[in-house]
Amino acid sequence: MRRLEELARGRGHSTLDLDVRSDRLPAIRLFESHGFIRWGVKARYARMNGRYMSGFFYSKNLDQNGV
């Protein structure tokens, strides 16, 4: 994850955004442990086996000073 952040900074990006299905708990723990902030939820994010699953949206500021 840190390497991805370094690559993004090197290409001039200041933010990383991602989204994940709500049942992907290992991925959610990984993202949150690396400082991604959940900013949104979509109730009908994906359809699995005939039912809708919610999803979460995350963002991380890559600015060195945290602004």
Protein backbone atom coordinates (compact mmCIF):
# COMPACT_ATOMS: atom_id res chain seq x y z
CA MET A 1 0.00 0.00 0.00
CA ARG A 2 2.81 2.42 0.83
CA ARG A 3 4.40 1.81 -2.56
CA LEU A 4 1.11 2.63 -4.27
CA GLU A 5 0.93 5.88 -2.31
CA GLU A 6 4.51 6.75 -3.28
CA LEU A 7 3.76 6.09 -6.95
CA ALA A 8 0.62 8.23 -6.81
CA ARG A 9 2.49 11.11 -5.14
CA GLY A 10 5.27 10.80 -7.73
CA ARG A 11 2.69 11.23 -10.47
CA GLY A 12 1.29 14.37 -8.86
CA HIS A 13 -1.80 12.92 -7.22
CA SER A 14 -2.84 14.32 -3.85
CA THR A 15 -5.69 11.92 -3.04
CA LEU A 16 -6.46 8.23 -3.39
CA ASP A 17 -10.10 7.13 -3.59
CA LEU A 18 -11.46 3.62 -3.47
CA ASP A 19 -14.64 1.69 -2.95
CA VAL A 20 -15.32 -1.77 -1.59
CA ARG A 21 -18.25 -4.08 -1.00
CA SER A 22 -19.31 -4.08 2.66
CA ASP A 23 -18.69 -7.81 3.12
CA ARG A 24 -14.99 -7.55 2.20
CA LEU A 25 -13.85 -7.23 5.81
CA PRO A 26 -10.13 -8.03 5.30
CA ALA A 27 -9.92 -5.32 2.61
CA ILE A 28 -11.79 -2.85 4.81
CA ARG A 29 -9.41 -3.50 7.71
CA LEU A 30 -6.42 -3.05 5.39
CA PHE A 31 -7.67 0.26 4.01
CA GLU A 32 -8.57 1.64 7.41
CA SER A 33 -5.24 0.53 8.90
CA HIS A 34 -3.49 2.58 6.21
CA GLY A 35 -5.40 5.75 7.04
CA PHE A 36 -8.23 5.66 4.50
CA ILE A 37 -11.32 7.47 5.76
CA ARG A 38 -14.80 6.14 4.99
CA TRP A 39 -16.84 9.00 3.61
CA GLY A 40 -19.87 7.31 2.15
CA VAL A 41 -22.12 4.28 1.88
CA LYS A 42 -24.18 3.13 -1.09
CA ALA A 43 -26.98 0.76 -0.13
CA ARG A 44 -27.29 -0.86 -3.58
CA TYR A 45 -23.60 -1.00 -4.45
CA ALA A 46 -23.54 -4.49 -6.01
CA ARG A 47 -25.91 -7.33 -6.70
CA MET A 48 -24.85 -10.79 -5.52
CA ASN A 49 -26.96 -13.93 -5.87
CA GLY A 50 -30.10 -11.90 -6.51
CA ARG A 51 -29.74 -9.52 -3.58
CA TYR A 52 -28.16 -6.11 -3.22
CA MET A 53 -25.09 -5.52 -1.10
CA SER A 54 -23.98 -2.19 0.30
CA GLY A 55 -20.60 -0.68 -0.44
CA PHE A 56 -18.29 1.82 1.21
CA PHE A 57 -16.34 4.70 -0.27
CA TYR A 58 -12.94 5.71 1.10
CA SER A 59 -10.45 8.50 0.53
CA LYS A 60 -6.92 9.25 1.69
CA ASN A 61 -5.13 12.59 1.47
CA LEU A 62 -1.58 12.10 0.20
CA ASP A 63 -0.29 15.58 0.95
CA GLN A 64 2.83 15.41 3.08
CA ASN A 65 1.52 18.02 5.50
CA GLY A 66 -1.86 16.33 5.91
CA VAL A 67 -3.86 19.29 4.61
